[in-house]
Amino acid sequence: MVLKGFRFGLMLQFAIGPVCIYIFNTATNGGFLPAEAAVLAATLMDTIFVTLAILGIGSLLEKDGVKKALKYFGTVILIYFGLGTILGTFGIKIIPTIAGNSNLYDTSNAFVTSFILTASSPLSILFWSGVFATKLSSEGFSKKEMRFFGVGAVMATLVFLTIFAVIVSLLHPMMNQTVVDVMNVLVGIIIIGFGLKMLLKKV
């Protein structure tokens, strides 16, 4: 059952979203440890989504009012972080960091940022509250089977994104500042694009 959940969870990982883009950017800017901190934050948030789905609370996210609120909240968060990434390249910091540490790609800051991005990511919300919850109900799993299936799905997040972080972090020593700056701007634009796409999508 865990393996079955793992295979199902990989579906989300192959759909590249803002969290994956952020982990890529963190790995190229700060190396493996900050990127892995971002991975752990994404895994923690996915665990919360899975728990809500198993408890049946995930269906609340399907209500029109809640979906609209999440849509606007997610849009604001994604555009804000996208702009912050771009402006940060030019020394303009609008994204708050952990007290005493101004490095956005430090381990602690990467964890917090990734956690917030995962919580507001349209892909995460759609997958866990919709596709995952529907899968649980359609299969007729027992509570125990749901838990094992959920563990497998969350493991997919941890394993896939960790491997991704390792591969991308290998590029970190080879990056000069110009390349990093260009990539930061591109990543910011992509994240803003996700936000605008979320805003324009009908709920």
C-alpha atoms as a PDB file:
ATOM      1  CA  MET A   1       0.000   0.000   0.000  1.00  0.00           C
ATOM      2  CA  VAL A   2       2.910   2.347   0.742  1.00  0.00           C
ATOM      3  CA  LEU A   3       4.399   1.616  -2.693  1.00  0.00           C
ATOM      4  CA  LYS A   4       1.021   2.221  -4.302  1.00  0.00           C
ATOM      5  CA  GLY A   5       0.806   5.587  -2.572  1.00  0.00           C
ATOM      6  CA  PHE A   6       4.392   6.370  -3.590  1.00  0.00           C
ATOM      7  CA  ARG A   7       3.608   5.775  -7.259  1.00  0.00           C
ATOM      8  CA  PHE A   8       0.490   7.915  -6.987  1.00  0.00           C
ATOM      9  CA  GLY A   9       2.417  10.711  -5.243  1.00  0.00           C
ATOM     10  CA  LEU A  10       4.927  10.836  -8.086  1.00  0.00           C
ATOM     11  CA  MET A  11       2.145  12.189 -10.297  1.00  0.00           C
ATOM     12  CA  LEU A  12       2.340  15.498  -8.442  1.00  0.00           C
ATOM     13  CA  GLN A  13       6.128  15.603  -8.590  1.00  0.00           C
ATOM     14  CA  PHE A  14       6.241  15.317 -12.371  1.00  0.00           C
ATOM     15  CA  ALA A  15       3.953  18.341 -12.657  1.00  0.00           C
ATOM     16  CA  ILE A  16       6.511  21.129 -12.273  1.00  0.00           C
ATOM     17  CA  GLY A  17       5.128  23.884 -10.055  1.00  0.00           C
ATOM     18  CA  PRO A  18       6.373  26.938  -8.134  1.00  0.00           C
ATOM     19  CA  VAL A  19       7.771  24.853  -5.250  1.00  0.00           C
ATOM     20  CA  CYS A  20       9.940  22.781  -7.575  1.00  0.00           C
ATOM     21  CA  ILE A  21      11.126  25.976  -9.280  1.00  0.00           C
ATOM     22  CA  TYR A  22      11.932  27.501  -5.881  1.00  0.00           C
ATOM     23  CA  ILE A  23      13.948  24.437  -4.816  1.00  0.00           C
ATOM     24  CA  PHE A  24      15.866  24.642  -8.092  1.00  0.00           C
ATOM     25  CA  ASN A  25      16.639  28.296  -7.403  1.00  0.00           C
ATOM     26  CA  THR A  26      17.638  27.604  -3.792  1.00  0.00           C
ATOM     27  CA  ALA A  27      19.986  24.800  -4.830  1.00  0.00           C
ATOM     28  CA  THR A  28      21.733  26.975  -7.418  1.00  0.00           C
ATOM     29  CA  ASN A  29      22.043  29.899  -4.986  1.00  0.00           C
ATOM     30  CA  GLY A  30      22.806  28.155  -1.705  1.00  0.00           C
ATOM     31  CA  GLY A  31      23.698  24.545  -2.452  1.00  0.00           C
ATOM     32  CA  PHE A  32      22.240  21.310  -1.117  1.00  0.00           C
ATOM     33  CA  LEU A  33      21.514  22.054   2.562  1.00  0.00           C
ATOM     34  CA  PRO A  34      19.195  25.046   2.003  1.00  0.00           C
ATOM     35  CA  ALA A  35      17.556  23.184  -0.887  1.00  0.00           C
ATOM     36  CA  GLU A  36      16.973  20.136   1.323  1.00  0.00           C
ATOM     37  CA  ALA A  37      15.502  22.396   4.014  1.00  0.00           C
ATOM     38  CA  ALA A  38      13.051  23.600   1.356  1.00  0.00           C
ATOM     39  CA  VAL A  39      12.315  19.967   0.460  1.00  0.00           C
ATOM     40  CA  LEU A  40      11.572  19.107   4.101  1.00  0.00           C
ATOM     41  CA  ALA A  41       9.221  22.093   4.370  1.00  0.00           C
ATOM     42  CA  ALA A  42       7.356  21.014   1.230  1.00  0.00           C
ATOM     43  CA  THR A  43       7.139  17.474   2.611  1.00  0.00           C
ATOM     44  CA  LEU A  44       5.773  18.756   5.926  1.00  0.00           C
ATOM     45  CA  MET A  45       3.097  20.813   4.181  1.00  0.00           C
ATOM     46  CA  ASP A  46       2.160  17.867   1.959  1.00  0.00           C
ATOM     47  CA  THR A  47       1.845  15.743   5.116  1.00  0.00           C
ATOM     48  CA  ILE A  48      -0.632  18.278   6.484  1.00  0.00           C
ATOM     49  CA  PHE A  49      -2.619  18.203   3.219  1.00  0.00           C
ATOM     50  CA  VAL A  50      -2.658  14.380   3.263  1.00  0.00           C
ATOM     51  CA  THR A  51      -3.798  14.305   6.886  1.00  0.00           C
ATOM     52  CA  LEU A  52      -6.652  16.700   6.100  1.00  0.00           C
ATOM     53  CA  ALA A  53      -7.684  14.546   3.136  1.00  0.00           C
ATOM     54  CA  ILE A  54      -7.659  11.351   5.227  1.00  0.00           C
ATOM     55  CA  LEU A  55      -9.720  13.039   7.936  1.00  0.00           C
ATOM     56  CA  GLY A  56     -12.180  14.182   5.294  1.00  0.00           C
ATOM     57  CA  ILE A  57     -11.487  17.842   5.973  1.00  0.00           C
ATOM     58  CA  GLY A  58      -9.915  18.278   2.543  1.00  0.00           C
ATOM     59  CA  SER A  59     -13.403  18.376   1.023  1.00  0.00           C
ATOM     60  CA  LEU A  60     -13.889  21.774   2.676  1.00  0.00           C
ATOM     61  CA  LEU A  61     -11.330  23.164   0.245  1.00  0.00           C
ATOM     62  CA  GLU A  62     -13.695  22.280  -2.598  1.00  0.00           C
ATOM     63  CA  LYS A  63     -16.364  24.747  -1.449  1.00  0.00           C
ATOM     64  CA  ASP A  64     -16.691  27.721  -3.816  1.00  0.00           C
ATOM     65  CA  GLY A  65     -16.049  30.381  -1.173  1.00  0.00           C
ATOM     66  CA  VAL A  66     -12.981  28.596   0.157  1.00  0.00           C
ATOM     67  CA  LYS A  67     -11.655  27.947  -3.349  1.00  0.00           C
ATOM     68  CA  LYS A  68     -11.962  31.638  -4.243  1.00  0.00           C
ATOM     69  CA  ALA A  69     -10.220  32.700  -1.034  1.00  0.00           C
ATOM     70  CA  LEU A  70      -7.391  30.221  -1.683  1.00  0.00           C
ATOM     71  CA  LYS A  71      -7.168  31.395  -5.278  1.00  0.00           C
ATOM     72  CA  TYR A  72      -6.619  35.041  -4.325  1.00  0.00           C
ATOM     73  CA  PHE A  73      -4.364  34.173  -1.397  1.00  0.00           C
ATOM     74  CA  GLY A  74      -2.232  31.911  -3.571  1.00  0.00           C
ATOM     75  CA  THR A  75      -2.041  34.525  -6.325  1.00  0.00           C
ATOM     76  CA  VAL A  76      -0.811  37.220  -3.931  1.00  0.00           C
ATOM     77  CA  ILE A  77       1.776  34.912  -2.335  1.00  0.00           C
ATOM     78  CA  LEU A  78       3.174  33.659  -5.650  1.00  0.00           C
ATOM     79  CA  ILE A  79       3.397  37.114  -7.245  1.00  0.00           C
ATOM     80  CA  TYR A  80       4.933  38.521  -4.063  1.00  0.00           C
ATOM     81  CA  PHE A  81       7.640  35.859  -3.921  1.00  0.00           C
ATOM     82  CA  GLY A  82       8.235  36.138  -7.659  1.00  0.00           C
ATOM     83  CA  LEU A  83       8.740  39.900  -7.403  1.00  0.00           C
ATOM     84  CA  GLY A  84      10.884  39.408  -4.307  1.00  0.00           C
ATOM     85  CA  THR A  85      13.153  37.020  -6.174  1.00  0.00           C
ATOM     86  CA  ILE A  86      13.581  39.439  -9.077  1.00  0.00           C
ATOM     87  CA  LEU A  87      14.103  42.543  -6.932  1.00  0.00           C
ATOM     88  CA  GLY A  88      16.496  40.669  -4.654  1.00  0.00           C
ATOM     89  CA  THR A  89      18.802  40.274  -7.644  1.00  0.00           C
ATOM     90  CA  PHE A  90      19.165  44.059  -7.687  1.00  0.00           C
ATOM     91  CA  GLY A  91      19.678  44.337  -3.940  1.00  0.00           C
ATOM     92  CA  ILE A  92      16.077  45.311  -3.163  1.00  0.00           C
ATOM     93  CA  LYS A  93      14.749  43.023  -0.431  1.00  0.00           C
ATOM     94  CA  ILE A  94      10.985  42.809   0.068  1.00  0.00           C
ATOM     95  CA  ILE A  95      10.794  39.221   1.337  1.00  0.00           C
ATOM     96  CA  PRO A  96      11.221  39.128   5.131  1.00  0.00           C
ATOM     97  CA  THR A  97      13.896  36.824   6.510  1.00  0.00           C
ATOM     98  CA  ILE A  98      14.463  35.142   9.846  1.00  0.00           C
ATOM     99  CA  ALA A  99      15.652  37.677  12.430  1.00  0.00           C
ATOM    100  CA  GLY A 100      19.414  38.039  12.409  1.00  0.00           C
ATOM    101  CA  ASN A 101      19.863  36.433   9.001  1.00  0.00           C
ATOM    102  CA  SER A 102      19.454  38.437   5.802  1.00  0.00           C
ATOM    103  CA  ASN A 103      20.393  35.568   3.457  1.00  0.00           C
ATOM    104  CA  LEU A 104      17.198  34.496   1.684  1.00  0.00           C
ATOM    105  CA  TYR A 105      18.806  31.188   0.730  1.00  0.00           C
ATOM    106  CA  ASP A 106      19.945  30.309   4.239  1.00  0.00           C
ATOM    107  CA  THR A 107      18.603  26.982   5.552  1.00  0.00           C
ATOM    108  CA  SER A 108      16.043  28.488   7.946  1.00  0.00           C
ATOM    109  CA  ASN A 109      14.776  31.066   5.456  1.00  0.00           C
ATOM    110  CA  ALA A 110      14.537  28.444   2.713  1.00  0.00           C
ATOM    111  CA  PHE A 111      12.418  26.241   4.999  1.00  0.00           C
ATOM    112  CA  VAL A 112       9.950  29.010   5.856  1.00  0.00           C
ATOM    113  CA  THR A 113       9.672  30.246   2.265  1.00  0.00           C
ATOM    114  CA  SER A 114       9.121  26.752   0.876  1.00  0.00           C
ATOM    115  CA  PHE A 115       6.493  25.996   3.520  1.00  0.00           C
ATOM    116  CA  ILE A 116       4.506  29.117   2.588  1.00  0.00           C
ATOM    117  CA  LEU A 117       4.869  28.489  -1.153  1.00  0.00           C
ATOM    118  CA  THR A 118       3.701  24.881  -0.782  1.00  0.00           C
ATOM    119  CA  ALA A 119       0.710  25.965   1.297  1.00  0.00           C
ATOM    120  CA  SER A 120      -0.328  28.444  -1.406  1.00  0.00           C
ATOM    121  CA  SER A 121       0.691  26.434  -4.483  1.00  0.00           C
ATOM    122  CA  PRO A 122      -2.264  25.777  -6.813  1.00  0.00           C
ATOM    123  CA  LEU A 123      -0.798  22.396  -7.759  1.00  0.00           C
ATOM    124  CA  SER A 124      -0.548  21.265  -4.134  1.00  0.00           C
ATOM    125  CA  ILE A 125      -4.059  22.432  -3.258  1.00  0.00           C
ATOM    126  CA  LEU A 126      -5.615  20.877  -6.380  1.00  0.00           C
ATOM    127  CA  PHE A 127      -3.782  17.570  -6.033  1.00  0.00           C
ATOM    128  CA  TRP A 128      -4.207  16.879  -2.329  1.00  0.00           C
ATOM    129  CA  SER A 129      -7.706  18.310  -1.800  1.00  0.00           C
ATOM    130  CA  GLY A 130      -9.074  17.083  -5.115  1.00  0.00           C
ATOM    131  CA  VAL A 131      -7.257  14.251  -6.877  1.00  0.00           C
ATOM    132  CA  PHE A 132      -5.855  12.590  -3.745  1.00  0.00           C
ATOM    133  CA  ALA A 133      -9.092  12.856  -1.745  1.00  0.00           C
ATOM    134  CA  THR A 134     -11.075  11.473  -4.694  1.00  0.00           C
ATOM    135  CA  LYS A 135      -8.648   8.568  -4.996  1.00  0.00           C
ATOM    136  CA  LEU A 136      -9.114   7.704  -1.317  1.00  0.00           C
ATOM    137  CA  SER A 137     -12.901   7.679  -1.559  1.00  0.00           C
ATOM    138  CA  SER A 138     -13.084   5.819  -4.881  1.00  0.00           C
ATOM    139  CA  GLU A 139     -10.780   2.998  -3.758  1.00  0.00           C
ATOM    140  CA  GLY A 140     -12.770   2.300  -0.608  1.00  0.00           C
ATOM    141  CA  PHE A 141      -9.645   2.125   1.547  1.00  0.00           C
ATOM    142  CA  SER A 142      -9.876   1.344   5.240  1.00  0.00           C
ATOM    143  CA  LYS A 143      -8.488   3.983   7.619  1.00  0.00           C
ATOM    144  CA  LYS A 144      -5.314   1.927   8.019  1.00  0.00           C
ATOM    145  CA  GLU A 145      -4.890   1.591   4.256  1.00  0.00           C
ATOM    146  CA  MET A 146      -5.463   5.327   3.857  1.00  0.00           C
ATOM    147  CA  ARG A 147      -2.654   6.060   6.307  1.00  0.00           C
ATOM    148  CA  PHE A 148      -0.196   3.756   4.534  1.00  0.00           C
ATOM    149  CA  PHE A 149      -1.228   5.121   1.144  1.00  0.00           C
ATOM    150  CA  GLY A 150      -0.731   8.654   2.478  1.00  0.00           C
ATOM    151  CA  VAL A 151       2.713   7.781   3.846  1.00  0.00           C
ATOM    152  CA  GLY A 152       3.711   6.514   0.412  1.00  0.00           C
ATOM    153  CA  ALA A 153       2.420   9.664  -1.296  1.00  0.00           C
ATOM    154  CA  VAL A 154       4.369  11.911   1.088  1.00  0.00           C
ATOM    155  CA  MET A 155       7.504   9.781   0.641  1.00  0.00           C
ATOM    156  CA  ALA A 156       7.263  10.506  -3.092  1.00  0.00           C
ATOM    157  CA  THR A 157       7.609  14.219  -2.330  1.00  0.00           C
ATOM    158  CA  LEU A 158      10.619  13.676  -0.073  1.00  0.00           C
ATOM    159  CA  VAL A 159      12.470  11.241  -2.354  1.00  0.00           C
ATOM    160  CA  PHE A 160      11.819  12.973  -5.671  1.00  0.00           C
ATOM    161  CA  LEU A 161      12.605  16.495  -4.485  1.00  0.00           C
ATOM    162  CA  THR A 162      15.700  15.345  -2.554  1.00  0.00           C
ATOM    163  CA  ILE A 163      17.113  13.689  -5.674  1.00  0.00           C
ATOM    164  CA  PHE A 164      16.240  16.843  -7.623  1.00  0.00           C
ATOM    165  CA  ALA A 165      17.995  19.020  -5.006  1.00  0.00           C
ATOM    166  CA  VAL A 166      21.123  16.826  -5.099  1.00  0.00           C
ATOM    167  CA  ILE A 167      21.367  16.992  -8.888  1.00  0.00           C
ATOM    168  CA  VAL A 168      20.804  20.749  -9.106  1.00  0.00           C
ATOM    169  CA  SER A 169      23.123  21.539  -6.167  1.00  0.00           C
ATOM    170  CA  LEU A 170      25.974  19.936  -8.108  1.00  0.00           C
ATOM    171  CA  LEU A 171      25.725  22.950 -10.414  1.00  0.00           C
ATOM    172  CA  HIS A 172      26.136  25.382  -7.509  1.00  0.00           C
ATOM    173  CA  PRO A 173      29.980  25.458  -7.440  1.00  0.00           C
ATOM    174  CA  MET A 174      30.058  26.100 -11.190  1.00  0.00           C
ATOM    175  CA  MET A 175      27.716  29.095 -11.085  1.00  0.00           C
ATOM    176  CA  ASN A 176      29.163  32.588 -11.378  1.00  0.00           C
ATOM    177  CA  GLN A 177      27.192  35.559 -10.066  1.00  0.00           C
ATOM    178  CA  THR A 178      25.993  36.683 -13.494  1.00  0.00           C
ATOM    179  CA  VAL A 179      24.472  33.290 -14.271  1.00  0.00           C
ATOM    180  CA  VAL A 180      22.866  33.146 -10.817  1.00  0.00           C
ATOM    181  CA  ASP A 181      21.371  36.627 -11.250  1.00  0.00           C
ATOM    182  CA  VAL A 182      19.919  35.759 -14.659  1.00  0.00           C
ATOM    183  CA  MET A 183      18.436  32.546 -13.275  1.00  0.00           C
ATOM    184  CA  ASN A 184      16.953  34.408 -10.297  1.00  0.00           C
ATOM    185  CA  VAL A 185      15.152  36.797 -12.643  1.00  0.00           C
ATOM    186  CA  LEU A 186      13.877  33.921 -14.790  1.00  0.00           C
ATOM    187  CA  VAL A 187      12.690  32.007 -11.723  1.00  0.00           C
ATOM    188  CA  GLY A 188      10.910  35.119 -10.448  1.00  0.00           C
ATOM    189  CA  ILE A 189       9.138  35.560 -13.778  1.00  0.00           C
ATOM    190  CA  ILE A 190       8.068  31.899 -13.800  1.00  0.00           C
ATOM    191  CA  ILE A 191       6.674  32.101 -10.254  1.00  0.00           C
ATOM    192  CA  ILE A 192       4.769  35.294 -11.150  1.00  0.00           C
ATOM    193  CA  GLY A 193       3.446  33.409 -14.183  1.00  0.00           C
ATOM    194  CA  PHE A 194       2.098  30.675 -11.911  1.00  0.00           C
ATOM    195  CA  GLY A 195       0.396  33.351  -9.822  1.00  0.00           C
ATOM    196  CA  LEU A 196      -1.230  35.030 -12.825  1.00  0.00           C
ATOM    197  CA  LYS A 197      -2.322  31.660 -14.195  1.00  0.00           C
ATOM    198  CA  MET A 198      -3.965  30.901 -10.860  1.00  0.00           C
ATOM    199  CA  LEU A 199      -5.724  34.290 -10.876  1.00  0.00           C
ATOM    200  CA  LEU A 200      -7.131  33.802 -14.381  1.00  0.00           C
ATOM    201  CA  LYS A 201      -8.286  30.239 -13.753  1.00  0.00           C
ATOM    202  CA  LYS A 202     -12.013  29.841 -13.155  1.00  0.00           C
ATOM    203  CA  VAL A 203     -13.037  28.178  -9.869  1.00  0.00           C
END
